[in-house]
Amino acid sequence: MITIIDTDVDVSAKLPQLKAQGVVSIGRYLNRRNPAGAKVIKPAEARAFAANEMRLFLIYEFDGHPNNSITGTLDGEWTMDYVKTIGAPLDGTAFIAYTVDYDAPESDMPGIKAAFTAFRAAITPAFMVGSYASGAVNAELYAVKLIEVRWLTCSRGFRGTQQALANGDYEMRQSVPGELIGLDIDPNTAHYANDTVGFIPFATVSA
């Protein structure tokens, strides 16, 4: 049974069916550079999550190549404003995954770390920081305490990912894309967490 998914489409109308299929947590997207886009969760969709008592987890992604502190700061500051409209708790219990959605070489790590440092400064302590990335990128960010949640992409050939899988060095891992009740989705498995990843919007919103 698939209990955790992420998807790039509005799931408002499908939440009852997804719940009936055993899904409890759904990842949806944030993006300051295209906030009106279909990929970005809107307040109405967040309220549908609340009405159906479904959990939401948040993924910040523009092009999946964060590489400098200016980008990290702008992404983080926009995120902190936007999450208030979708009922996210600001008490440090939820994470936001910042994406590195390519097989980043070691030479890109200084820029990636700069972006994560700035993003982290903008959203903590309201949120924990996650990284959606390869095993190698996750390992380096985790080692210097820039993230709490290591989320492995479905690309098993990325640098360090096979090692992370073998050693259990992740909190969540994504599997190959699929379809569920007519939706294009990515199934996920929580490793050190449980199947209730995320939060119910508007349930415990901090000022």
N, C-alpha and C. Protein backbone atom coordinates (compact mmCIF):
# COMPACT_ATOMS: atom_id res chain seq x y z
N MET A 1 0.84 -1.19 0.00
CA MET A 1 0.00 0.00 0.00
C MET A 1 0.88 1.25 0.00
N ILE A 2 0.55 2.19 -0.86
CA ILE A 2 1.28 3.45 -0.92
C ILE A 2 0.66 4.42 0.09
N THR A 3 1.44 4.92 1.02
CA THR A 3 0.91 5.83 2.03
C THR A 3 1.43 7.25 1.90
N ILE A 4 2.57 7.43 1.22
CA ILE A 4 3.16 8.76 1.05
C ILE A 4 3.42 8.98 -0.44
N ILE A 5 2.89 10.08 -0.97
CA ILE A 5 3.12 10.40 -2.38
C ILE A 5 3.51 11.87 -2.51
N ASP A 6 4.11 12.22 -3.64
CA ASP A 6 4.20 13.63 -4.01
C ASP A 6 3.71 13.75 -5.44
N THR A 7 3.19 14.92 -5.77
CA THR A 7 2.61 15.15 -7.09
C THR A 7 2.65 16.62 -7.43
N ASP A 8 2.64 16.92 -8.74
CA ASP A 8 2.73 18.31 -9.17
C ASP A 8 1.40 18.88 -9.63
N VAL A 9 0.30 18.23 -9.23
CA VAL A 9 -1.03 18.72 -9.62
C VAL A 9 -1.91 18.88 -8.38
N ASP A 10 -2.91 19.73 -8.51
CA ASP A 10 -3.89 19.96 -7.46
C ASP A 10 -4.68 18.66 -7.21
N VAL A 11 -4.70 18.22 -5.98
CA VAL A 11 -5.37 16.96 -5.65
C VAL A 11 -6.68 17.17 -4.90
N SER A 12 -7.17 18.38 -4.85
CA SER A 12 -8.37 18.68 -4.05
C SER A 12 -9.51 17.71 -4.31
N ALA A 13 -9.82 17.50 -5.59
CA ALA A 13 -10.97 16.67 -5.95
C ALA A 13 -10.72 15.18 -5.74
N LYS A 14 -9.45 14.82 -5.57
CA LYS A 14 -9.10 13.40 -5.48
C LYS A 14 -8.81 12.94 -4.05
N LEU A 15 -8.85 13.86 -3.09
CA LEU A 15 -8.44 13.51 -1.74
C LEU A 15 -9.27 12.38 -1.12
N PRO A 16 -10.59 12.37 -1.27
CA PRO A 16 -11.33 11.24 -0.68
C PRO A 16 -10.90 9.89 -1.26
N GLN A 17 -10.69 9.85 -2.59
CA GLN A 17 -10.26 8.60 -3.21
C GLN A 17 -8.85 8.20 -2.77
N LEU A 18 -7.96 9.18 -2.68
CA LEU A 18 -6.60 8.89 -2.23
C LEU A 18 -6.61 8.36 -0.81
N LYS A 19 -7.43 8.96 0.04
CA LYS A 19 -7.53 8.50 1.42
C LYS A 19 -8.06 7.07 1.46
N ALA A 20 -9.04 6.76 0.61
CA ALA A 20 -9.59 5.42 0.56
C ALA A 20 -8.56 4.40 0.09
N GLN A 21 -7.58 4.86 -0.70
CA GLN A 21 -6.51 4.00 -1.18
C GLN A 21 -5.39 3.80 -0.16
N GLY A 22 -5.50 4.50 0.98
CA GLY A 22 -4.51 4.35 2.04
C GLY A 22 -3.46 5.44 2.10
N VAL A 23 -3.55 6.45 1.21
CA VAL A 23 -2.60 7.56 1.24
C VAL A 23 -2.89 8.44 2.45
N VAL A 24 -1.85 8.79 3.19
CA VAL A 24 -2.03 9.65 4.37
C VAL A 24 -1.26 10.96 4.27
N SER A 25 -0.21 11.00 3.44
CA SER A 25 0.63 12.19 3.34
C SER A 25 0.95 12.48 1.87
N ILE A 26 0.82 13.76 1.50
CA ILE A 26 1.03 14.15 0.10
C ILE A 26 1.95 15.36 0.04
N GLY A 27 2.97 15.27 -0.78
CA GLY A 27 3.88 16.39 -0.97
C GLY A 27 3.42 17.27 -2.12
N ARG A 28 3.38 18.57 -1.85
CA ARG A 28 2.99 19.56 -2.87
C ARG A 28 4.02 20.69 -2.87
N TYR A 29 3.98 21.50 -3.92
CA TYR A 29 5.11 22.38 -4.22
C TYR A 29 4.91 23.85 -3.87
N LEU A 30 6.06 24.52 -3.67
CA LEU A 30 6.17 25.96 -3.47
C LEU A 30 7.15 26.48 -4.53
N ASN A 31 6.92 27.71 -5.00
CA ASN A 31 7.80 28.31 -6.01
C ASN A 31 7.51 29.81 -6.09
N ARG A 32 8.42 30.62 -5.61
CA ARG A 32 8.19 32.07 -5.60
C ARG A 32 8.19 32.67 -7.00
N ARG A 33 8.84 31.99 -7.95
CA ARG A 33 8.94 32.57 -9.28
C ARG A 33 7.75 32.25 -10.18
N ASN A 34 6.89 31.36 -9.73
CA ASN A 34 5.65 31.08 -10.45
C ASN A 34 4.57 30.65 -9.47
N PRO A 35 4.21 31.53 -8.53
CA PRO A 35 3.28 31.11 -7.48
C PRO A 35 1.87 30.80 -7.97
N ALA A 36 1.52 31.31 -9.15
CA ALA A 36 0.19 31.04 -9.69
C ALA A 36 0.15 29.76 -10.51
N GLY A 37 1.30 29.13 -10.71
CA GLY A 37 1.36 27.93 -11.53
C GLY A 37 0.61 26.76 -10.93
N ALA A 38 0.24 25.82 -11.79
CA ALA A 38 -0.55 24.66 -11.35
C ALA A 38 0.21 23.80 -10.36
N LYS A 39 1.53 23.84 -10.43
CA LYS A 39 2.34 22.98 -9.56
C LYS A 39 2.31 23.43 -8.10
N VAL A 40 2.02 24.70 -7.85
CA VAL A 40 2.09 25.27 -6.50
C VAL A 40 0.77 25.07 -5.75
N ILE A 41 0.86 24.61 -4.52
CA ILE A 41 -0.34 24.44 -3.70
C ILE A 41 -0.93 25.81 -3.37
N LYS A 42 -2.26 25.90 -3.47
CA LYS A 42 -2.97 27.15 -3.19
C LYS A 42 -3.77 27.00 -1.88
N PRO A 43 -4.20 28.12 -1.30
CA PRO A 43 -4.97 28.03 -0.05
C PRO A 43 -6.19 27.14 -0.14
N ALA A 44 -6.92 27.17 -1.25
CA ALA A 44 -8.13 26.35 -1.37
C ALA A 44 -7.79 24.86 -1.31
N GLU A 45 -6.69 24.48 -1.93
CA GLU A 45 -6.27 23.07 -1.89
C GLU A 45 -5.86 22.69 -0.47
N ALA A 46 -5.17 23.58 0.21
CA ALA A 46 -4.77 23.31 1.59
C ALA A 46 -5.99 23.11 2.48
N ARG A 47 -7.05 23.89 2.24
CA ARG A 47 -8.27 23.72 3.03
C ARG A 47 -8.95 22.39 2.71
N ALA A 48 -8.81 21.93 1.49
CA ALA A 48 -9.34 20.61 1.15
C ALA A 48 -8.58 19.52 1.90
N PHE A 49 -7.28 19.68 2.04
CA PHE A 49 -6.50 18.76 2.87
C PHE A 49 -7.07 18.73 4.28
N ALA A 50 -7.31 19.91 4.84
CA ALA A 50 -7.81 19.99 6.21
C ALA A 50 -9.18 19.32 6.33
N ALA A 51 -10.05 19.58 5.36
CA ALA A 51 -11.41 19.02 5.42
C ALA A 51 -11.39 17.50 5.35
N ASN A 52 -10.39 16.96 4.66
CA ASN A 52 -10.30 15.51 4.52
C ASN A 52 -9.33 14.87 5.53
N GLU A 53 -8.79 15.70 6.42
CA GLU A 53 -7.84 15.25 7.44
C GLU A 53 -6.67 14.49 6.79
N MET A 54 -6.15 15.08 5.74
CA MET A 54 -4.99 14.53 5.03
C MET A 54 -3.77 15.38 5.36
N ARG A 55 -2.62 14.74 5.39
CA ARG A 55 -1.38 15.43 5.72
C ARG A 55 -0.67 15.94 4.47
N LEU A 56 -0.06 17.10 4.65
CA LEU A 56 0.65 17.78 3.58
C LEU A 56 2.12 17.94 3.97
N PHE A 57 3.03 17.68 3.03
CA PHE A 57 4.41 18.10 3.25
C PHE A 57 4.83 18.96 2.06
N LEU A 58 5.77 19.86 2.30
CA LEU A 58 6.07 20.93 1.36
C LEU A 58 7.42 20.76 0.70
N ILE A 59 7.45 21.07 -0.59
CA ILE A 59 8.64 20.92 -1.41
C ILE A 59 8.88 22.25 -2.12
N TYR A 60 10.03 22.88 -1.85
CA TYR A 60 10.34 24.12 -2.58
C TYR A 60 11.21 23.76 -3.79
N GLU A 61 10.69 24.10 -4.98
CA GLU A 61 11.46 23.82 -6.20
C GLU A 61 11.16 24.84 -7.27
N PHE A 62 12.20 25.40 -7.85
CA PHE A 62 12.06 26.17 -9.09
C PHE A 62 12.67 25.37 -10.23
N ASP A 63 13.98 25.33 -10.30
CA ASP A 63 14.63 24.53 -11.33
C ASP A 63 15.48 23.40 -10.72
N GLY A 64 15.45 23.29 -9.40
CA GLY A 64 16.19 22.22 -8.75
C GLY A 64 17.69 22.40 -8.74
N HIS A 65 18.15 23.67 -8.94
CA HIS A 65 19.59 23.96 -8.95
C HIS A 65 19.93 25.13 -8.02
N PRO A 66 19.62 25.06 -6.74
CA PRO A 66 19.97 26.17 -5.85
C PRO A 66 21.50 26.26 -5.72
N ASN A 67 22.05 27.45 -5.96
CA ASN A 67 23.52 27.49 -6.02
C ASN A 67 24.16 28.76 -5.49
N ASN A 68 23.41 29.56 -4.72
CA ASN A 68 24.04 30.75 -4.13
C ASN A 68 23.18 31.27 -2.99
N SER A 69 23.75 32.11 -2.15
CA SER A 69 23.07 32.58 -0.96
C SER A 69 21.92 33.53 -1.28
N ILE A 70 22.05 34.31 -2.34
CA ILE A 70 20.97 35.23 -2.71
C ILE A 70 19.71 34.44 -3.05
N THR A 71 19.86 33.40 -3.86
CA THR A 71 18.73 32.55 -4.20
C THR A 71 18.12 31.92 -2.96
N GLY A 72 18.97 31.39 -2.08
CA GLY A 72 18.47 30.76 -0.87
C GLY A 72 17.68 31.71 0.01
N THR A 73 18.18 32.93 0.16
CA THR A 73 17.48 33.93 0.97
C THR A 73 16.14 34.30 0.36
N LEU A 74 16.12 34.59 -0.94
CA LEU A 74 14.86 34.96 -1.59
C LEU A 74 13.84 33.84 -1.54
N ASP A 75 14.29 32.61 -1.80
CA ASP A 75 13.39 31.46 -1.73
C ASP A 75 12.83 31.29 -0.32
N GLY A 76 13.69 31.40 0.67
CA GLY A 76 13.27 31.20 2.04
C GLY A 76 12.34 32.29 2.55
N GLU A 77 12.65 33.54 2.24
CA GLU A 77 11.81 34.65 2.71
C GLU A 77 10.42 34.60 2.07
N TRP A 78 10.38 34.29 0.77
CA TRP A 78 9.07 34.16 0.12
C TRP A 78 8.29 33.01 0.74
N THR A 79 8.96 31.91 1.00
CA THR A 79 8.32 30.74 1.59
C THR A 79 7.67 31.08 2.92
N MET A 80 8.37 31.82 3.74
CA MET A 80 7.84 32.16 5.06
C MET A 80 6.57 33.00 4.97
N ASP A 81 6.46 33.83 3.96
CA ASP A 81 5.22 34.58 3.76
C ASP A 81 4.12 33.68 3.22
N TYR A 82 4.46 32.85 2.26
CA TYR A 82 3.43 32.07 1.57
C TYR A 82 2.83 30.98 2.45
N VAL A 83 3.64 30.33 3.27
CA VAL A 83 3.12 29.19 4.04
C VAL A 83 2.01 29.60 5.01
N LYS A 84 1.97 30.88 5.37
CA LYS A 84 0.91 31.33 6.27
C LYS A 84 -0.45 31.27 5.59
N THR A 85 -0.47 31.33 4.26
CA THR A 85 -1.75 31.29 3.53
C THR A 85 -2.27 29.88 3.37
N ILE A 86 -1.42 28.88 3.63
CA ILE A 86 -1.85 27.48 3.44
C ILE A 86 -1.89 26.72 4.77
N GLY A 87 -1.90 27.46 5.86
CA GLY A 87 -2.14 26.84 7.16
C GLY A 87 -1.05 25.98 7.70
N ALA A 88 0.20 26.30 7.35
CA ALA A 88 1.32 25.50 7.86
C ALA A 88 1.65 25.88 9.29
N PRO A 89 1.98 24.92 10.14
CA PRO A 89 2.40 25.24 11.50
C PRO A 89 3.79 25.86 11.47
N LEU A 90 4.03 26.81 12.35
CA LEU A 90 5.32 27.50 12.39
C LEU A 90 6.08 27.18 13.67
N ASP A 91 5.87 25.96 14.17
CA ASP A 91 6.44 25.59 15.47
C ASP A 91 7.63 24.63 15.36
N GLY A 92 8.17 24.48 14.16
CA GLY A 92 9.34 23.64 13.99
C GLY A 92 9.07 22.15 13.87
N THR A 93 7.80 21.76 13.80
CA THR A 93 7.47 20.33 13.73
C THR A 93 7.42 19.80 12.30
N ALA A 94 7.32 20.70 11.32
CA ALA A 94 7.24 20.29 9.92
C ALA A 94 8.54 20.65 9.20
N PHE A 95 8.80 19.95 8.11
CA PHE A 95 9.98 20.27 7.30
C PHE A 95 9.55 20.80 5.94
N ILE A 96 10.44 21.56 5.32
CA ILE A 96 10.28 21.95 3.92
C ILE A 96 11.49 21.41 3.17
N ALA A 97 11.24 20.64 2.13
CA ALA A 97 12.32 20.07 1.33
C ALA A 97 12.75 21.06 0.26
N TYR A 98 14.02 21.37 0.24
CA TYR A 98 14.63 22.24 -0.77
C TYR A 98 15.29 21.29 -1.77
N THR A 99 15.00 21.47 -3.06
CA THR A 99 15.38 20.43 -4.01
C THR A 99 16.69 20.70 -4.75
N VAL A 100 17.45 19.64 -4.87
CA VAL A 100 18.65 19.61 -5.73
C VAL A 100 18.38 18.47 -6.71
N ASP A 101 17.62 18.76 -7.74
CA ASP A 101 17.03 17.73 -8.58
C ASP A 101 17.90 17.43 -9.81
N TYR A 102 19.17 17.14 -9.53
CA TYR A 102 20.08 16.69 -10.59
C TYR A 102 21.25 16.00 -9.90
N ASP A 103 22.08 15.35 -10.67
CA ASP A 103 23.21 14.62 -10.08
C ASP A 103 24.37 15.60 -9.87
N ALA A 104 24.28 16.35 -8.80
CA ALA A 104 25.24 17.43 -8.54
C ALA A 104 26.64 16.89 -8.28
N PRO A 105 27.63 17.39 -9.01
CA PRO A 105 29.01 16.97 -8.74
C PRO A 105 29.56 17.67 -7.50
N GLU A 106 30.65 17.16 -7.00
CA GLU A 106 31.27 17.76 -5.81
C GLU A 106 31.62 19.22 -6.04
N SER A 107 31.95 19.58 -7.27
CA SER A 107 32.33 20.98 -7.57
C SER A 107 31.18 21.95 -7.38
N ASP A 108 29.94 21.45 -7.38
CA ASP A 108 28.78 22.32 -7.17
C ASP A 108 28.43 22.50 -5.69
N MET A 109 29.07 21.74 -4.81
CA MET A 109 28.67 21.76 -3.41
C MET A 109 28.84 23.10 -2.71
N PRO A 110 29.88 23.89 -2.98
CA PRO A 110 29.95 25.19 -2.30
C PRO A 110 28.74 26.08 -2.57
N GLY A 111 28.28 26.13 -3.81
CA GLY A 111 27.11 26.92 -4.12
C GLY A 111 25.85 26.36 -3.51
N ILE A 112 25.72 25.02 -3.52
CA ILE A 112 24.56 24.38 -2.92
C ILE A 112 24.52 24.64 -1.42
N LYS A 113 25.67 24.51 -0.77
CA LYS A 113 25.71 24.77 0.67
C LYS A 113 25.39 26.23 0.98
N ALA A 114 25.84 27.14 0.15
CA ALA A 114 25.52 28.56 0.36
C ALA A 114 24.02 28.79 0.27
N ALA A 115 23.37 28.16 -0.72
CA ALA A 115 21.93 28.31 -0.87
C ALA A 115 21.19 27.71 0.32
N PHE A 116 21.61 26.53 0.77
CA PHE A 116 20.94 25.90 1.90
C PHE A 116 21.17 26.68 3.20
N THR A 117 22.36 27.23 3.37
CA THR A 117 22.63 28.04 4.56
C THR A 117 21.67 29.22 4.62
N ALA A 118 21.48 29.90 3.50
CA ALA A 118 20.60 31.07 3.46
C ALA A 118 19.13 30.67 3.59
N PHE A 119 18.75 29.58 2.92
CA PHE A 119 17.37 29.10 3.01
C PHE A 119 17.05 28.71 4.44
N ARG A 120 17.99 28.02 5.08
CA ARG A 120 17.81 27.60 6.47
C ARG A 120 17.66 28.80 7.40
N ALA A 121 18.50 29.82 7.19
CA ALA A 121 18.43 31.01 8.03
C ALA A 121 17.07 31.69 7.92
N ALA A 122 16.46 31.60 6.74
CA ALA A 122 15.18 32.26 6.52
C ALA A 122 13.99 31.50 7.11
N ILE A 123 14.05 30.16 7.16
CA ILE A 123 12.85 29.42 7.57
C ILE A 123 12.93 28.79 8.95
N THR A 124 14.11 28.75 9.54
CA THR A 124 14.20 28.21 10.90
C THR A 124 14.10 29.35 11.90
N PRO A 125 13.56 29.10 13.11
CA PRO A 125 13.15 27.80 13.67
C PRO A 125 11.71 27.40 13.35
N ALA A 126 11.05 28.14 12.46
CA ALA A 126 9.65 27.80 12.15
C ALA A 126 9.52 26.43 11.51
N PHE A 127 10.52 26.04 10.71
CA PHE A 127 10.51 24.75 10.03
C PHE A 127 11.86 24.07 10.13
N MET A 128 11.84 22.75 10.04
CA MET A 128 13.05 21.99 9.77
C MET A 128 13.33 22.08 8.27
N VAL A 129 14.56 21.78 7.90
CA VAL A 129 14.95 21.83 6.49
C VAL A 129 15.22 20.41 5.99
N GLY A 130 14.67 20.11 4.84
CA GLY A 130 14.95 18.85 4.18
C GLY A 130 15.67 19.10 2.88
N SER A 131 16.31 18.08 2.37
CA SER A 131 16.95 18.14 1.06
C SER A 131 16.44 16.99 0.21
N TYR A 132 15.87 17.32 -0.94
CA TYR A 132 15.51 16.31 -1.93
C TYR A 132 16.67 16.25 -2.90
N ALA A 133 17.46 15.20 -2.84
CA ALA A 133 18.73 15.21 -3.55
C ALA A 133 19.32 13.80 -3.62
N SER A 134 20.51 13.74 -4.19
CA SER A 134 21.26 12.49 -4.24
C SER A 134 21.76 12.11 -2.86
N GLY A 135 22.21 10.87 -2.73
CA GLY A 135 22.78 10.44 -1.47
C GLY A 135 23.99 11.26 -1.08
N ALA A 136 24.83 11.62 -2.04
CA ALA A 136 26.05 12.37 -1.74
C ALA A 136 25.73 13.78 -1.27
N VAL A 137 24.81 14.46 -1.96
CA VAL A 137 24.43 15.81 -1.56
C VAL A 137 23.78 15.79 -0.18
N ASN A 138 22.85 14.87 0.01
CA ASN A 138 22.21 14.77 1.33
C ASN A 138 23.23 14.53 2.44
N ALA A 139 24.20 13.66 2.18
CA ALA A 139 25.19 13.33 3.20
C ALA A 139 26.01 14.55 3.59
N GLU A 140 26.43 15.34 2.61
CA GLU A 140 27.25 16.51 2.92
C GLU A 140 26.45 17.58 3.66
N LEU A 141 25.21 17.79 3.25
CA LEU A 141 24.38 18.79 3.92
C LEU A 141 24.04 18.36 5.35
N TYR A 142 23.79 17.07 5.52
CA TYR A 142 23.46 16.53 6.84
C TYR A 142 24.66 16.59 7.78
N ALA A 143 25.84 16.35 7.24
CA ALA A 143 27.05 16.33 8.06
C ALA A 143 27.36 17.69 8.66
N VAL A 144 27.01 18.76 7.95
CA VAL A 144 27.27 20.11 8.46
C VAL A 144 26.02 20.74 9.05
N LYS A 145 25.01 19.90 9.31
CA LYS A 145 23.79 20.30 10.03
C LYS A 145 23.00 21.39 9.30
N LEU A 146 22.98 21.32 7.98
CA LEU A 146 22.16 22.24 7.21
C LEU A 146 20.77 21.66 6.95
N ILE A 147 20.58 20.36 7.18
CA ILE A 147 19.28 19.72 7.00
C ILE A 147 19.03 18.73 8.14
N GLU A 148 17.75 18.47 8.36
CA GLU A 148 17.33 17.41 9.29
C GLU A 148 16.75 16.21 8.56
N VAL A 149 16.25 16.43 7.36
CA VAL A 149 15.56 15.38 6.62
C VAL A 149 16.27 15.13 5.29
N ARG A 150 16.75 13.90 5.10
CA ARG A 150 17.40 13.49 3.86
C ARG A 150 16.39 12.70 3.03
N TRP A 151 16.01 13.29 1.89
CA TRP A 151 15.03 12.66 1.01
C TRP A 151 15.73 12.30 -0.29
N LEU A 152 15.84 11.03 -0.57
CA LEU A 152 16.52 10.55 -1.76
C LEU A 152 15.60 10.60 -2.98
N THR A 153 16.10 11.16 -4.08
CA THR A 153 15.33 11.15 -5.32
C THR A 153 15.21 9.72 -5.83
N CYS A 154 14.34 9.54 -6.81
CA CYS A 154 14.14 8.20 -7.37
C CYS A 154 15.28 7.79 -8.29
N SER A 155 16.20 8.69 -8.59
CA SER A 155 17.30 8.40 -9.52
C SER A 155 18.40 7.62 -8.81
N ARG A 156 18.38 6.33 -8.91
CA ARG A 156 19.29 5.48 -8.16
C ARG A 156 20.74 5.57 -8.65
N GLY A 157 20.94 6.12 -9.84
CA GLY A 157 22.29 6.26 -10.35
C GLY A 157 23.01 7.51 -9.92
N PHE A 158 22.32 8.39 -9.18
CA PHE A 158 22.95 9.62 -8.71
C PHE A 158 24.07 9.30 -7.73
N ARG A 159 25.00 10.23 -7.65
CA ARG A 159 26.20 10.07 -6.82
C ARG A 159 25.83 9.80 -5.36
N GLY A 160 26.32 8.69 -4.83
CA GLY A 160 26.15 8.37 -3.42
C GLY A 160 24.81 7.79 -3.03
N THR A 161 23.89 7.65 -3.99
CA THR A 161 22.55 7.20 -3.61
C THR A 161 22.52 5.71 -3.26
N GLN A 162 23.21 4.89 -4.01
CA GLN A 162 23.22 3.47 -3.69
C GLN A 162 23.83 3.22 -2.31
N GLN A 163 24.86 3.97 -1.97
CA GLN A 163 25.48 3.83 -0.65
C GLN A 163 24.51 4.24 0.45
N ALA A 164 23.80 5.36 0.23
CA ALA A 164 22.82 5.82 1.22
C ALA A 164 21.72 4.79 1.42
N LEU A 165 21.26 4.20 0.35
CA LEU A 165 20.22 3.17 0.45
C LEU A 165 20.73 1.96 1.22
N ALA A 166 21.94 1.54 0.90
CA ALA A 166 22.51 0.36 1.56
C ALA A 166 22.71 0.57 3.05
N ASN A 167 23.09 1.79 3.43
CA ASN A 167 23.39 2.10 4.84
C ASN A 167 22.18 2.63 5.61
N GLY A 168 21.07 2.85 4.92
CA GLY A 168 19.90 3.43 5.59
C GLY A 168 20.10 4.88 5.96
N ASP A 169 20.92 5.60 5.20
CA ASP A 169 21.22 7.00 5.52
C ASP A 169 20.24 7.94 4.84
N TYR A 170 18.99 7.87 5.25
CA TYR A 170 17.96 8.74 4.71
C TYR A 170 16.75 8.68 5.63
N GLU A 171 15.93 9.71 5.55
CA GLU A 171 14.67 9.72 6.29
C GLU A 171 13.51 9.33 5.38
N MET A 172 13.66 9.62 4.08
CA MET A 172 12.60 9.30 3.13
C MET A 172 13.25 9.01 1.78
N ARG A 173 12.65 8.09 1.04
CA ARG A 173 13.16 7.79 -0.30
C ARG A 173 11.99 7.74 -1.28
N GLN A 174 12.27 8.26 -2.46
CA GLN A 174 11.26 8.29 -3.51
C GLN A 174 11.46 7.09 -4.44
N SER A 175 10.36 6.53 -4.91
CA SER A 175 10.41 5.45 -5.88
C SER A 175 10.02 5.97 -7.26
N VAL A 176 10.08 5.10 -8.25
CA VAL A 176 9.83 5.54 -9.62
C VAL A 176 8.40 6.05 -9.77
N PRO A 177 8.20 7.05 -10.63
CA PRO A 177 6.86 7.61 -10.82
C PRO A 177 5.85 6.56 -11.26
N GLY A 178 4.61 6.80 -10.90
CA GLY A 178 3.54 5.89 -11.28
C GLY A 178 2.24 6.64 -11.40
N GLU A 179 1.15 5.90 -11.36
CA GLU A 179 -0.18 6.49 -11.47
C GLU A 179 -1.06 5.90 -10.39
N LEU A 180 -1.88 6.74 -9.80
CA LEU A 180 -2.82 6.31 -8.76
C LEU A 180 -4.12 7.06 -8.96
N ILE A 181 -5.20 6.36 -9.11
CA ILE A 181 -6.54 6.88 -9.42
C ILE A 181 -6.48 8.00 -10.47
N GLY A 182 -5.69 7.76 -11.51
CA GLY A 182 -5.62 8.71 -12.61
C GLY A 182 -4.67 9.87 -12.43
N LEU A 183 -3.96 9.91 -11.30
CA LEU A 183 -3.00 10.97 -11.02
C LEU A 183 -1.58 10.47 -11.27
N ASP A 184 -0.76 11.34 -11.86
CA ASP A 184 0.68 11.05 -11.94
C ASP A 184 1.29 11.36 -10.58
N ILE A 185 1.89 10.34 -9.98
CA ILE A 185 2.42 10.51 -8.62
C ILE A 185 3.80 9.86 -8.50
N ASP A 186 4.51 10.26 -7.47
CA ASP A 186 5.74 9.59 -7.06
C ASP A 186 5.47 8.96 -5.70
N PRO A 187 5.60 7.65 -5.57
CA PRO A 187 5.45 7.01 -4.26
C PRO A 187 6.71 7.21 -3.42
N ASN A 188 6.53 7.29 -2.12
CA ASN A 188 7.66 7.49 -1.21
C ASN A 188 7.53 6.57 -0.01
N THR A 189 8.67 6.29 0.61
CA THR A 189 8.72 5.48 1.81
C THR A 189 9.49 6.23 2.88
N ALA A 190 8.92 6.36 4.07
CA ALA A 190 9.62 6.97 5.20
C ALA A 190 10.45 5.89 5.87
N HIS A 191 11.67 6.25 6.23
CA HIS A 191 12.59 5.26 6.82
C HIS A 191 12.67 5.41 8.34
N TYR A 192 13.12 6.57 8.81
CA TYR A 192 13.22 6.77 10.24
C TYR A 192 11.99 7.43 10.82
N ALA A 193 11.18 8.03 9.94
CA ALA A 193 9.93 8.64 10.40
C ALA A 193 8.84 7.58 10.34
N ASN A 194 7.58 8.03 10.36
CA ASN A 194 6.49 7.07 10.20
C ASN A 194 5.64 7.51 9.01
N ASP A 195 4.52 6.88 8.82
CA ASP A 195 3.72 7.17 7.63
C ASP A 195 2.87 8.42 7.75
N THR A 196 3.05 9.19 8.80
CA THR A 196 2.30 10.43 8.96
C THR A 196 3.23 11.63 8.77
N VAL A 197 4.03 11.58 7.70
CA VAL A 197 4.88 12.70 7.33
C VAL A 197 4.01 13.92 7.03
N GLY A 198 4.42 15.09 7.53
CA GLY A 198 3.71 16.32 7.21
C GLY A 198 2.75 16.76 8.30
N PHE A 199 1.82 17.61 7.91
CA PHE A 199 0.90 18.24 8.86
C PHE A 199 -0.47 18.40 8.21
N ILE A 200 -1.49 18.49 9.05
CA ILE A 200 -2.83 18.81 8.57
C ILE A 200 -2.95 20.33 8.55
N PRO A 201 -3.15 20.96 7.41
CA PRO A 201 -3.21 22.42 7.33
C PRO A 201 -4.29 23.01 8.24
N PHE A 202 -3.93 24.17 8.78
CA PHE A 202 -4.84 24.97 9.62
C PHE A 202 -5.18 24.29 10.94
N ALA A 203 -4.52 23.17 11.26
CA ALA A 203 -4.83 22.49 12.52
C ALA A 203 -4.18 23.16 13.70
N THR A 204 -2.92 23.51 13.58
CA THR A 204 -2.18 24.17 14.68
C THR A 204 -1.30 25.24 14.07
N VAL A 205 -1.89 26.32 13.68
CA VAL A 205 -1.16 27.40 13.02
C VAL A 205 -0.65 28.38 14.06
N SER A 206 0.65 28.63 14.06
CA SER A 206 1.26 29.61 14.98
C SER A 206 1.30 30.99 14.33
N ALA A 207 1.22 32.01 15.16
CA ALA A 207 1.25 33.37 14.62
C ALA A 207 2.67 33.73 14.19
